[in-house]
């Protein structure tokens, strides 16, 4: 394993650890390396690079790629699929922040 990656044993539960090569990621997703490259070119996922320049993907990135594949399989153009996923992620983040703010307000006795 390249020097910039810490030993894998300490990262078995780390969703962001770049454990998958491009070939393995494509096999897990049932897609092609070209599809993964297209997702990277569209800015949806940014795989880390090994010391030799090879792409490495995390489990989190594989989940995003799987969602993109679902949309593309349904006939959505890849650029639109990437935009949809970006918007879905933004909405999820906003909803989590709102829920956190509501909890804080409830703790302070300020119900909305």
PDB file of N, CA and C in Angstrom:
ATOM      1  N   UNK A   1       0.861  -1.181   0.000  1.00  0.00           N
ATOM      2  CA  UNK A   1       0.000   0.000   0.000  1.00  0.00           C
ATOM      3  C   UNK A   1       0.900   1.235   0.000  1.00  0.00           C
ATOM      4  N   UNK A   2       0.537   2.276  -0.764  1.00  0.00           N
ATOM      5  CA  UNK A   2       1.364   3.477  -0.843  1.00  0.00           C
ATOM      6  C   UNK A   2       1.548   4.138   0.514  1.00  0.00           C
ATOM      7  N   UNK A   3       2.596   4.891   0.629  1.00  0.00           N
ATOM      8  CA  UNK A   3       2.963   5.512   1.904  1.00  0.00           C
ATOM      9  C   UNK A   3       1.908   6.481   2.420  1.00  0.00           C
ATOM     10  N   UNK A   4       1.153   7.149   1.521  1.00  0.00           N
ATOM     11  CA  UNK A   4       0.197   8.143   2.006  1.00  0.00           C
ATOM     12  C   UNK A   4      -1.036   7.519   2.655  1.00  0.00           C
ATOM     13  N   UNK A   5      -1.224   6.220   2.514  1.00  0.00           N
ATOM     14  CA  UNK A   5      -2.357   5.547   3.148  1.00  0.00           C
ATOM     15  C   UNK A   5      -1.911   4.892   4.449  1.00  0.00           C
ATOM     16  N   UNK A   6      -2.623   5.149   5.548  1.00  0.00           N
ATOM     17  CA  UNK A   6      -2.298   4.453   6.785  1.00  0.00           C
ATOM     18  C   UNK A   6      -2.675   2.978   6.649  1.00  0.00           C
ATOM     19  N   UNK A   7      -2.193   2.124   7.538  1.00  0.00           N
ATOM     20  CA  UNK A   7      -2.522   0.698   7.464  1.00  0.00           C
ATOM     21  C   UNK A   7      -4.037   0.494   7.475  1.00  0.00           C
ATOM     22  N   UNK A   8      -4.504  -0.450   6.638  1.00  0.00           N
ATOM     23  CA  UNK A   8      -5.937  -0.667   6.460  1.00  0.00           C
ATOM     24  C   UNK A   8      -6.617  -1.199   7.719  1.00  0.00           C
ATOM     25  N   UNK A   9      -5.937  -1.927   8.560  1.00  0.00           N
ATOM     26  CA  UNK A   9      -6.568  -2.538   9.734  1.00  0.00           C
ATOM     27  C   UNK A   9      -7.266  -1.514  10.618  1.00  0.00           C
ATOM     28  N   UNK A  10      -6.746  -0.332  10.710  1.00  0.00           N
ATOM     29  CA  UNK A  10      -7.362   0.697  11.532  1.00  0.00           C
ATOM     30  C   UNK A  10      -8.515   1.409  10.847  1.00  0.00           C
ATOM     31  N   UNK A  11      -8.851   1.002   9.631  1.00  0.00           N
ATOM     32  CA  UNK A  11      -9.865   1.718   8.852  1.00  0.00           C
ATOM     33  C   UNK A  11     -10.993   0.816   8.360  1.00  0.00           C
ATOM     34  N   UNK A  12     -11.173  -0.321   8.996  1.00  0.00           N
ATOM     35  CA  UNK A  12     -12.187  -1.257   8.527  1.00  0.00           C
ATOM     36  C   UNK A  12     -13.592  -0.670   8.590  1.00  0.00           C
ATOM     37  N   UNK A  13     -13.839   0.228   9.516  1.00  0.00           N
ATOM     38  CA  UNK A  13     -15.157   0.845   9.646  1.00  0.00           C
ATOM     39  C   UNK A  13     -15.208   2.256   9.084  1.00  0.00           C
ATOM     40  N   UNK A  14     -14.173   2.693   8.423  1.00  0.00           N
ATOM     41  CA  UNK A  14     -14.077   4.055   7.915  1.00  0.00           C
ATOM     42  C   UNK A  14     -14.682   4.132   6.507  1.00  0.00           C
ATOM     43  N   UNK A  15     -15.837   4.769   6.371  1.00  0.00           N
ATOM     44  CA  UNK A  15     -16.506   4.889   5.070  1.00  0.00           C
ATOM     45  C   UNK A  15     -15.730   5.742   4.079  1.00  0.00           C
ATOM     46  N   UNK A  16     -14.785   6.527   4.561  1.00  0.00           N
ATOM     47  CA  UNK A  16     -14.029   7.417   3.684  1.00  0.00           C
ATOM     48  C   UNK A  16     -12.647   6.879   3.313  1.00  0.00           C
ATOM     49  N   UNK A  17     -12.309   5.702   3.811  1.00  0.00           N
ATOM     50  CA  UNK A  17     -10.998   5.125   3.497  1.00  0.00           C
ATOM     51  C   UNK A  17     -10.989   4.640   2.047  1.00  0.00           C
ATOM     52  N   UNK A  18     -10.001   5.023   1.250  1.00  0.00           N
ATOM     53  CA  UNK A  18      -9.960   4.664  -0.176  1.00  0.00           C
ATOM     54  C   UNK A  18      -9.481   3.223  -0.390  1.00  0.00           C
ATOM     55  N   UNK A  19     -10.343   2.272  -0.124  1.00  0.00           N
ATOM     56  CA  UNK A  19      -9.954   0.864  -0.128  1.00  0.00           C
ATOM     57  C   UNK A  19     -10.150   0.156  -1.463  1.00  0.00           C
ATOM     58  N   UNK A  20     -10.903   0.743  -2.384  1.00  0.00           N
ATOM     59  CA  UNK A  20     -11.259   0.045  -3.615  1.00  0.00           C
ATOM     60  C   UNK A  20     -10.522   0.606  -4.819  1.00  0.00           C
ATOM     61  N   UNK A  21      -9.885  -0.274  -5.567  1.00  0.00           N
ATOM     62  CA  UNK A  21      -9.300   0.132  -6.840  1.00  0.00           C
ATOM     63  C   UNK A  21     -10.429   0.399  -7.829  1.00  0.00           C
ATOM     64  N   UNK A  22     -10.109   1.037  -8.915  1.00  0.00           N
ATOM     65  CA  UNK A  22     -11.135   1.325  -9.913  1.00  0.00           C
ATOM     66  C   UNK A  22     -11.774   0.031 -10.432  1.00  0.00           C
ATOM     67  N   UNK A  23     -10.963  -0.962 -10.723  1.00  0.00           N
ATOM     68  CA  UNK A  23     -11.494  -2.224 -11.229  1.00  0.00           C
ATOM     69  C   UNK A  23     -12.416  -2.903 -10.233  1.00  0.00           C
ATOM     70  N   UNK A  24     -11.990  -2.917  -8.975  1.00  0.00           N
ATOM     71  CA  UNK A  24     -12.811  -3.546  -7.938  1.00  0.00           C
ATOM     72  C   UNK A  24     -14.095  -2.742  -7.714  1.00  0.00           C
ATOM     73  N   UNK A  25     -14.003  -1.426  -7.702  1.00  0.00           N
ATOM     74  CA  UNK A  25     -15.184  -0.579  -7.523  1.00  0.00           C
ATOM     75  C   UNK A  25     -16.178  -0.814  -8.656  1.00  0.00           C
ATOM     76  N   UNK A  26     -15.690  -0.884  -9.892  1.00  0.00           N
ATOM     77  CA  UNK A  26     -16.570  -1.123 -11.033  1.00  0.00           C
ATOM     78  C   UNK A  26     -17.229  -2.502 -10.915  1.00  0.00           C
ATOM     79  N   UNK A  27     -16.481  -3.498 -10.480  1.00  0.00           N
ATOM     80  CA  UNK A  27     -17.043  -4.844 -10.324  1.00  0.00           C
ATOM     81  C   UNK A  27     -18.113  -4.870  -9.239  1.00  0.00           C
ATOM     82  N   UNK A  28     -17.849  -4.214  -8.118  1.00  0.00           N
ATOM     83  CA  UNK A  28     -18.815  -4.175  -7.018  1.00  0.00           C
ATOM     84  C   UNK A  28     -20.112  -3.517  -7.476  1.00  0.00           C
ATOM     85  N   UNK A  29     -20.003  -2.467  -8.283  1.00  0.00           N
ATOM     86  CA  UNK A  29     -21.169  -1.727  -8.751  1.00  0.00           C
ATOM     87  C   UNK A  29     -21.822  -2.343  -9.982  1.00  0.00           C
ATOM     88  N   UNK A  30     -21.127  -3.281 -10.609  1.00  0.00           N
ATOM     89  CA  UNK A  30     -21.655  -3.869 -11.837  1.00  0.00           C
ATOM     90  C   UNK A  30     -21.651  -2.891 -12.988  1.00  0.00           C
ATOM     91  N   UNK A  31     -20.628  -2.062 -13.034  1.00  0.00           N
ATOM     92  CA  UNK A  31     -20.525  -1.045 -14.082  1.00  0.00           C
ATOM     93  C   UNK A  31     -19.130  -1.105 -14.686  1.00  0.00           C
ATOM     94  N   UNK A  32     -18.761  -0.087 -15.406  1.00  0.00           N
ATOM     95  CA  UNK A  32     -17.444  -0.048 -16.051  1.00  0.00           C
ATOM     96  C   UNK A  32     -16.565   1.025 -15.425  1.00  0.00           C
ATOM     97  N   UNK A  33     -15.257   0.883 -15.569  1.00  0.00           N
ATOM     98  CA  UNK A  33     -14.376   1.958 -15.129  1.00  0.00           C
ATOM     99  C   UNK A  33     -14.693   3.284 -15.818  1.00  0.00           C
ATOM    100  N   UNK A  34     -15.145   3.235 -17.063  1.00  0.00           N
ATOM    101  CA  UNK A  34     -15.492   4.468 -17.784  1.00  0.00           C
ATOM    102  C   UNK A  34     -16.626   5.214 -17.078  1.00  0.00           C
ATOM    103  N   UNK A  35     -17.584   4.480 -16.520  1.00  0.00           N
ATOM    104  CA  UNK A  35     -18.677   5.110 -15.787  1.00  0.00           C
ATOM    105  C   UNK A  35     -18.130   5.837 -14.566  1.00  0.00           C
ATOM    106  N   UNK A  36     -17.217   5.202 -13.841  1.00  0.00           N
ATOM    107  CA  UNK A  36     -16.610   5.842 -12.669  1.00  0.00           C
ATOM    108  C   UNK A  36     -15.804   7.072 -13.065  1.00  0.00           C
ATOM    109  N   UNK A  37     -15.084   6.968 -14.170  1.00  0.00           N
ATOM    110  CA  UNK A  37     -14.333   8.141 -14.657  1.00  0.00           C
ATOM    111  C   UNK A  37     -15.292   9.274 -15.003  1.00  0.00           C
ATOM    112  N   UNK A  38     -16.429   8.938 -15.616  1.00  0.00           N
ATOM    113  CA  UNK A  38     -17.415   9.964 -15.981  1.00  0.00           C
ATOM    114  C   UNK A  38     -17.975  10.652 -14.746  1.00  0.00           C
ATOM    115  N   UNK A  39     -18.197   9.900 -13.678  1.00  0.00           N
ATOM    116  CA  UNK A  39     -18.670  10.507 -12.425  1.00  0.00           C
ATOM    117  C   UNK A  39     -17.614  11.448 -11.857  1.00  0.00           C
ATOM    118  N   UNK A  40     -16.360  11.057 -11.970  1.00  0.00           N
ATOM    119  CA  UNK A  40     -15.273  11.933 -11.530  1.00  0.00           C
ATOM    120  C   UNK A  40     -15.170  13.170 -12.392  1.00  0.00           C
ATOM    121  N   UNK A  41     -15.289  12.996 -13.707  1.00  0.00           N
ATOM    122  CA  UNK A  41     -15.234  14.145 -14.626  1.00  0.00           C
ATOM    123  C   UNK A  41     -16.377  15.116 -14.367  1.00  0.00           C
ATOM    124  N   UNK A  42     -17.540  14.583 -13.967  1.00  0.00           N
ATOM    125  CA  UNK A  42     -18.701  15.427 -13.674  1.00  0.00           C
ATOM    126  C   UNK A  42     -18.606  16.076 -12.300  1.00  0.00           C
ATOM    127  N   UNK A  43     -17.598  15.690 -11.510  1.00  0.00           N
ATOM    128  CA  UNK A  43     -17.395  16.281 -10.194  1.00  0.00           C
ATOM    129  C   UNK A  43     -18.248  15.678  -9.094  1.00  0.00           C
ATOM    130  N   UNK A  44     -18.900  14.550  -9.361  1.00  0.00           N
ATOM    131  CA  UNK A  44     -19.744  13.936  -8.341  1.00  0.00           C
ATOM    132  C   UNK A  44     -18.904  13.242  -7.277  1.00  0.00           C
ATOM    133  N   UNK A  45     -17.902  12.534  -7.704  1.00  0.00           N
ATOM    134  CA  UNK A  45     -16.982  11.884  -6.763  1.00  0.00           C
ATOM    135  C   UNK A  45     -15.562  12.230  -7.175  1.00  0.00           C
ATOM    136  N   UNK A  46     -14.699  12.323  -6.193  1.00  0.00           N
ATOM    137  CA  UNK A  46     -13.289  12.637  -6.453  1.00  0.00           C
ATOM    138  C   UNK A  46     -12.442  11.559  -5.790  1.00  0.00           C
ATOM    139  N   UNK A  47     -12.118  10.498  -6.540  1.00  0.00           N
ATOM    140  CA  UNK A  47     -11.328   9.431  -5.937  1.00  0.00           C
ATOM    141  C   UNK A  47      -9.947   9.928  -5.529  1.00  0.00           C
ATOM    142  N   UNK A  48      -9.437   9.339  -4.490  1.00  0.00           N
ATOM    143  CA  UNK A  48      -8.066   9.646  -4.097  1.00  0.00           C
ATOM    144  C   UNK A  48      -7.127   8.930  -5.050  1.00  0.00           C
ATOM    145  N   UNK A  49      -5.907   9.378  -5.102  1.00  0.00           N
ATOM    146  CA  UNK A  49      -4.925   8.768  -5.998  1.00  0.00           C
ATOM    147  C   UNK A  49      -3.829   8.095  -5.186  1.00  0.00           C
ATOM    148  N   UNK A  50      -3.441   6.929  -5.635  1.00  0.00           N
ATOM    149  CA  UNK A  50      -2.321   6.239  -5.008  1.00  0.00           C
ATOM    150  C   UNK A  50      -1.027   6.940  -5.412  1.00  0.00           C
ATOM    151  N   UNK A  51       0.073   6.530  -4.838  1.00  0.00           N
ATOM    152  CA  UNK A  51       1.360   7.103  -5.202  1.00  0.00           C
ATOM    153  C   UNK A  51       1.657   6.959  -6.680  1.00  0.00           C
ATOM    154  N   UNK A  52       1.132   5.900  -7.287  1.00  0.00           N
ATOM    155  CA  UNK A  52       1.324   5.666  -8.710  1.00  0.00           C
ATOM    156  C   UNK A  52       0.277   6.318  -9.589  1.00  0.00           C
ATOM    157  N   UNK A  53      -0.638   7.081  -8.978  1.00  0.00           N
ATOM    158  CA  UNK A  53      -1.648   7.796  -9.742  1.00  0.00           C
ATOM    159  C   UNK A  53      -2.929   7.021  -9.992  1.00  0.00           C
ATOM    160  N   UNK A  54      -3.064   5.829  -9.403  1.00  0.00           N
ATOM    161  CA  UNK A  54      -4.264   5.028  -9.601  1.00  0.00           C
ATOM    162  C   UNK A  54      -5.396   5.524  -8.707  1.00  0.00           C
ATOM    163  N   UNK A  55      -6.606   5.477  -9.245  1.00  0.00           N
ATOM    164  CA  UNK A  55      -7.778   5.918  -8.490  1.00  0.00           C
ATOM    165  C   UNK A  55      -8.127   4.903  -7.407  1.00  0.00           C
ATOM    166  N   UNK A  56      -8.508   5.433  -6.245  1.00  0.00           N
ATOM    167  CA  UNK A  56      -8.960   4.617  -5.122  1.00  0.00           C
ATOM    168  C   UNK A  56     -10.266   5.206  -4.613  1.00  0.00           C
ATOM    169  N   UNK A  57     -11.252   4.341  -4.389  1.00  0.00           N
ATOM    170  CA  UNK A  57     -12.593   4.770  -3.991  1.00  0.00           C
ATOM    171  C   UNK A  57     -12.935   4.294  -2.589  1.00  0.00           C
ATOM    172  N   UNK A  58     -13.711   5.090  -1.894  1.00  0.00           N
ATOM    173  CA  UNK A  58     -14.185   4.733  -0.552  1.00  0.00           C
ATOM    174  C   UNK A  58     -15.579   4.122  -0.651  1.00  0.00           C
ATOM    175  N   UNK A  59     -16.026   3.526   0.429  1.00  0.00           N
ATOM    176  CA  UNK A  59     -17.391   2.982   0.457  1.00  0.00           C
ATOM    177  C   UNK A  59     -18.416   4.090   0.269  1.00  0.00           C
ATOM    178  N   UNK A  60     -18.169   5.238   0.859  1.00  0.00           N
ATOM    179  CA  UNK A  60     -19.092   6.372   0.691  1.00  0.00           C
ATOM    180  C   UNK A  60     -19.198   6.746  -0.795  1.00  0.00           C
ATOM    181  N   UNK A  61     -18.080   6.795  -1.485  1.00  0.00           N
ATOM    182  CA  UNK A  61     -18.093   7.119  -2.906  1.00  0.00           C
ATOM    183  C   UNK A  61     -18.808   6.039  -3.715  1.00  0.00           C
ATOM    184  N   UNK A  62     -18.666   4.789  -3.290  1.00  0.00           N
ATOM    185  CA  UNK A  62     -19.352   3.705  -3.986  1.00  0.00           C
ATOM    186  C   UNK A  62     -20.870   3.826  -3.820  1.00  0.00           C
ATOM    187  N   UNK A  63     -21.325   4.253  -2.644  1.00  0.00           N
ATOM    188  CA  UNK A  63     -22.773   4.453  -2.445  1.00  0.00           C
ATOM    189  C   UNK A  63     -23.289   5.565  -3.355  1.00  0.00           C
ATOM    190  N   UNK A  64     -22.520   6.644  -3.487  1.00  0.00           N
ATOM    191  CA  UNK A  64     -22.912   7.741  -4.370  1.00  0.00           C
ATOM    192  C   UNK A  64     -22.937   7.243  -5.823  1.00  0.00           C
ATOM    193  N   UNK A  65     -21.917   6.491  -6.214  1.00  0.00           N
ATOM    194  CA  UNK A  65     -21.855   5.962  -7.574  1.00  0.00           C
ATOM    195  C   UNK A  65     -23.015   4.995  -7.838  1.00  0.00           C
ATOM    196  N   UNK A  66     -23.386   4.214  -6.830  1.00  0.00           N
ATOM    197  CA  UNK A  66     -24.511   3.285  -6.986  1.00  0.00           C
ATOM    198  C   UNK A  66     -25.809   4.056  -7.214  1.00  0.00           C
ATOM    199  N   UNK A  67     -25.999   5.159  -6.501  1.00  0.00           N
ATOM    200  CA  UNK A  67     -27.188   5.992  -6.693  1.00  0.00           C
ATOM    201  C   UNK A  67     -27.190   6.574  -8.110  1.00  0.00           C
ATOM    202  N   UNK A  68     -26.030   7.016  -8.576  1.00  0.00           N
ATOM    203  CA  UNK A  68     -25.928   7.550  -9.940  1.00  0.00           C
ATOM    204  C   UNK A  68     -26.278   6.463 -10.953  1.00  0.00           C
ATOM    205  N   UNK A  69     -25.797   5.270 -10.703  1.00  0.00           N
ATOM    206  CA  UNK A  69     -26.098   4.176 -11.629  1.00  0.00           C
ATOM    207  C   UNK A  69     -27.593   3.888 -11.668  1.00  0.00           C
ATOM    208  N   UNK A  70     -28.254   3.927 -10.516  1.00  0.00           N
ATOM    209  CA  UNK A  70     -29.711   3.721 -10.482  1.00  0.00           C
ATOM    210  C   UNK A  70     -30.410   4.731 -11.395  1.00  0.00           C
ATOM    211  N   UNK A  71     -30.031   5.994 -11.255  1.00  0.00           N
ATOM    212  CA  UNK A  71     -30.655   7.040 -12.053  1.00  0.00           C
ATOM    213  C   UNK A  71     -30.362   6.869 -13.539  1.00  0.00           C
ATOM    214  N   UNK A  72     -29.123   6.553 -13.867  1.00  0.00           N
ATOM    215  CA  UNK A  72     -28.747   6.366 -15.269  1.00  0.00           C
ATOM    216  C   UNK A  72     -29.475   5.149 -15.845  1.00  0.00           C
ATOM    217  N   UNK A  73     -29.591   4.093 -15.064  1.00  0.00           N
ATOM    218  CA  UNK A  73     -30.308   2.898 -15.523  1.00  0.00           C
ATOM    219  C   UNK A  73     -31.784   3.198 -15.792  1.00  0.00           C
ATOM    220  N   UNK A  74     -32.315   4.226 -15.127  1.00  0.00           N
ATOM    221  CA  UNK A  74     -33.711   4.631 -15.335  1.00  0.00           C
ATOM    222  C   UNK A  74     -33.855   5.585 -16.517  1.00  0.00           C
ATOM    223  N   UNK A  75     -32.735   5.897 -17.172  1.00  0.00           N
ATOM    224  CA  UNK A  75     -32.782   6.744 -18.353  1.00  0.00           C
ATOM    225  C   UNK A  75     -32.359   8.184 -18.135  1.00  0.00           C
ATOM    226  N   UNK A  76     -31.919   8.519 -16.944  1.00  0.00           N
ATOM    227  CA  UNK A  76     -31.471   9.882 -16.655  1.00  0.00           C
ATOM    228  C   UNK A  76     -30.072  10.087 -17.232  1.00  0.00           C
ATOM    229  N   UNK A  77     -29.839  11.151 -17.974  1.00  0.00           N
ATOM    230  CA  UNK A  77     -28.472  11.427 -18.455  1.00  0.00           C
ATOM    231  C   UNK A  77     -27.514  11.582 -17.266  1.00  0.00           C
ATOM    232  N   UNK A  78     -26.284  11.208 -17.449  1.00  0.00           N
ATOM    233  CA  UNK A  78     -25.327  11.185 -16.343  1.00  0.00           C
ATOM    234  C   UNK A  78     -25.155  12.569 -15.711  1.00  0.00           C
ATOM    235  N   UNK A  79     -25.130  13.622 -16.519  1.00  0.00           N
ATOM    236  CA  UNK A  79     -24.968  14.969 -15.958  1.00  0.00           C
ATOM    237  C   UNK A  79     -26.151  15.322 -15.067  1.00  0.00           C
ATOM    238  N   UNK A  80     -27.358  14.957 -15.518  1.00  0.00           N
ATOM    239  CA  UNK A  80     -28.557  15.219 -14.715  1.00  0.00           C
ATOM    240  C   UNK A  80     -28.558  14.365 -13.450  1.00  0.00           C
ATOM    241  N   UNK A  81     -28.117  13.119 -13.565  1.00  0.00           N
ATOM    242  CA  UNK A  81     -28.043  12.237 -12.390  1.00  0.00           C
ATOM    243  C   UNK A  81     -27.103  12.831 -11.345  1.00  0.00           C
ATOM    244  N   UNK A  82     -25.974  13.350 -11.780  1.00  0.00           N
ATOM    245  CA  UNK A  82     -25.020  13.961 -10.854  1.00  0.00           C
ATOM    246  C   UNK A  82     -25.641  15.179 -10.174  1.00  0.00           C
ATOM    247  N   UNK A  83     -26.362  15.966 -10.935  1.00  0.00           N
ATOM    248  CA  UNK A  83     -27.013  17.164 -10.355  1.00  0.00           C
ATOM    249  C   UNK A  83     -28.086  16.759  -9.348  1.00  0.00           C
ATOM    250  N   UNK A  84     -28.879  15.748  -9.685  1.00  0.00           N
ATOM    251  CA  UNK A  84     -29.917  15.255  -8.772  1.00  0.00           C
ATOM    252  C   UNK A  84     -29.301  14.800  -7.462  1.00  0.00           C
ATOM    253  N   UNK A  85     -28.223  14.044  -7.541  1.00  0.00           N
ATOM    254  CA  UNK A  85     -27.577  13.527  -6.329  1.00  0.00           C
ATOM    255  C   UNK A  85     -27.006  14.670  -5.498  1.00  0.00           C
ATOM    256  N   UNK A  86     -26.408  15.651  -6.160  1.00  0.00           N
ATOM    257  CA  UNK A  86     -25.875  16.808  -5.445  1.00  0.00           C
ATOM    258  C   UNK A  86     -26.999  17.541  -4.711  1.00  0.00           C
ATOM    259  N   UNK A  87     -28.136  17.709  -5.377  1.00  0.00           N
ATOM    260  CA  UNK A  87     -29.280  18.368  -4.746  1.00  0.00           C
ATOM    261  C   UNK A  87     -29.851  17.523  -3.605  1.00  0.00           C
ATOM    262  N   UNK A  88     -29.934  16.218  -3.788  1.00  0.00           N
ATOM    263  CA  UNK A  88     -30.416  15.330  -2.724  1.00  0.00           C
ATOM    264  C   UNK A  88     -29.520  15.424  -1.491  1.00  0.00           C
ATOM    265  N   UNK A  89     -28.215  15.431  -1.723  1.00  0.00           N
ATOM    266  CA  UNK A  89     -27.272  15.535  -0.604  1.00  0.00           C
ATOM    267  C   UNK A  89     -27.419  16.867   0.109  1.00  0.00           C
ATOM    268  N   UNK A  90     -27.561  17.945  -0.657  1.00  0.00           N
ATOM    269  CA  UNK A  90     -27.742  19.267  -0.052  1.00  0.00           C
ATOM    270  C   UNK A  90     -29.020  19.347   0.757  1.00  0.00           C
ATOM    271  N   UNK A  91     -30.085  18.776   0.232  1.00  0.00           N
ATOM    272  CA  UNK A  91     -31.352  18.757   0.961  1.00  0.00           C
ATOM    273  C   UNK A  91     -31.219  17.951   2.246  1.00  0.00           C
ATOM    274  N   UNK A  92     -30.562  16.804   2.178  1.00  0.00           N
ATOM    275  CA  UNK A  92     -30.354  15.990   3.378  1.00  0.00           C
ATOM    276  C   UNK A  92     -29.564  16.742   4.438  1.00  0.00           C
ATOM    277  N   UNK A  93     -28.527  17.441   4.013  1.00  0.00           N
ATOM    278  CA  UNK A  93     -27.730  18.245   4.952  1.00  0.00           C
ATOM    279  C   UNK A  93     -28.580  19.335   5.587  1.00  0.00           C
ATOM    280  N   UNK A  94     -29.383  20.014   4.780  1.00  0.00           N
ATOM    281  CA  UNK A  94     -30.232  21.091   5.303  1.00  0.00           C
ATOM    282  C   UNK A  94     -31.254  20.549   6.296  1.00  0.00           C
ATOM    283  N   UNK A  95     -31.853  19.419   5.983  1.00  0.00           N
ATOM    284  CA  UNK A  95     -32.835  18.830   6.900  1.00  0.00           C
ATOM    285  C   UNK A  95     -32.193  18.407   8.221  1.00  0.00           C
ATOM    286  N   UNK A  96     -30.975  17.883   8.154  1.00  0.00           N
ATOM    287  CA  UNK A  96     -30.264  17.520   9.393  1.00  0.00           C
ATOM    288  C   UNK A  96     -29.951  18.760  10.233  1.00  0.00           C
ATOM    289  N   UNK A  97     -29.550  19.850   9.581  1.00  0.00           N
ATOM    290  CA  UNK A  97     -29.274  21.090  10.322  1.00  0.00           C
ATOM    291  C   UNK A  97     -30.550  21.642  10.953  1.00  0.00           C
ATOM    292  N   UNK A  98     -31.642  21.607  10.222  1.00  0.00           N
ATOM    293  CA  UNK A  98     -32.917  22.083  10.767  1.00  0.00           C
ATOM    294  C   UNK A  98     -33.314  21.258  11.982  1.00  0.00           C
ATOM    295  N   UNK A  99     -33.180  19.951  11.879  1.00  0.00           N
ATOM    296  CA  UNK A  99     -33.537  19.089  13.009  1.00  0.00           C
ATOM    297  C   UNK A  99     -32.649  19.387  14.224  1.00  0.00           C
ATOM    298  N   UNK A 100     -31.372  19.623  13.991  1.00  0.00           N
ATOM    299  CA  UNK A 100     -30.470  19.986  15.084  1.00  0.00           C
ATOM    300  C   UNK A 100     -30.871  21.292  15.740  1.00  0.00           C
ATOM    301  N   UNK A 101     -31.258  22.266  14.930  1.00  0.00           N
ATOM    302  CA  UNK A 101     -31.702  23.548  15.478  1.00  0.00           C
ATOM    303  C   UNK A 101     -32.998  23.381  16.267  1.00  0.00           C
ATOM    304  N   UNK A 102     -33.897  22.565  15.774  1.00  0.00           N
ATOM    305  CA  UNK A 102     -35.146  22.314  16.507  1.00  0.00           C
ATOM    306  C   UNK A 102     -34.875  21.680  17.862  1.00  0.00           C
ATOM    307  N   UNK A 103     -33.942  20.735  17.889  1.00  0.00           N
ATOM    308  CA  UNK A 103     -33.587  20.096  19.172  1.00  0.00           C
ATOM    309  C   UNK A 103     -33.031  21.120  20.149  1.00  0.00           C
ATOM    310  N   UNK A 104     -32.163  22.001  19.657  1.00  0.00           N
ATOM    311  CA  UNK A 104     -31.597  23.034  20.528  1.00  0.00           C
ATOM    312  C   UNK A 104     -32.682  23.964  21.051  1.00  0.00           C
ATOM    313  N   UNK A 105     -33.596  24.347  20.176  1.00  0.00           N
ATOM    314  CA  UNK A 105     -34.692  25.213  20.610  1.00  0.00           C
ATOM    315  C   UNK A 105     -35.577  24.503  21.633  1.00  0.00           C
ATOM    316  N   UNK A 106     -35.846  23.233  21.422  1.00  0.00           N
ATOM    317  CA  UNK A 106     -36.645  22.461  22.371  1.00  0.00           C
ATOM    318  C   UNK A 106     -35.949  22.381  23.725  1.00  0.00           C
ATOM    319  N   UNK A 107     -34.626  22.199  23.705  1.00  0.00           N
ATOM    320  CA  UNK A 107     -33.861  22.128  24.957  1.00  0.00           C
ATOM    321  C   UNK A 107     -33.934  23.453  25.721  1.00  0.00           C
ATOM    322  N   UNK A 108     -34.059  24.527  24.994  1.00  0.00           N
ATOM    323  CA  UNK A 108     -34.137  25.867  25.613  1.00  0.00           C
ATOM    324  C   UNK A 108     -35.580  26.265  25.905  1.00  0.00           C
ATOM    325  N   UNK A 109     -36.522  25.352  25.603  1.00  0.00           N
ATOM    326  CA  UNK A 109     -37.934  25.645  25.860  1.00  0.00           C
ATOM    327  C   UNK A 109     -38.548  26.587  24.866  1.00  0.00           C
ATOM    328  N   UNK A 110     -37.937  26.730  23.723  1.00  0.00           N
ATOM    329  CA  UNK A 110     -38.440  27.629  22.679  1.00  0.00           C
ATOM    330  C   UNK A 110     -38.996  26.789  21.533  1.00  0.00           C
ATOM    331  N   UNK A 111     -40.209  26.331  21.644  1.00  0.00           N
ATOM    332  CA  UNK A 111     -40.809  25.510  20.604  1.00  0.00           C
ATOM    333  C   UNK A 111     -41.252  26.363  19.442  1.00  0.00           C
ATOM    334  N   UNK A 112     -41.057  25.806  18.247  1.00  0.00           N
ATOM    335  CA  UNK A 112     -41.505  26.514  17.038  1.00  0.00           C
ATOM    336  C   UNK A 112     -42.575  25.720  16.331  1.00  0.00           C
TER     337      UNK A 112
END
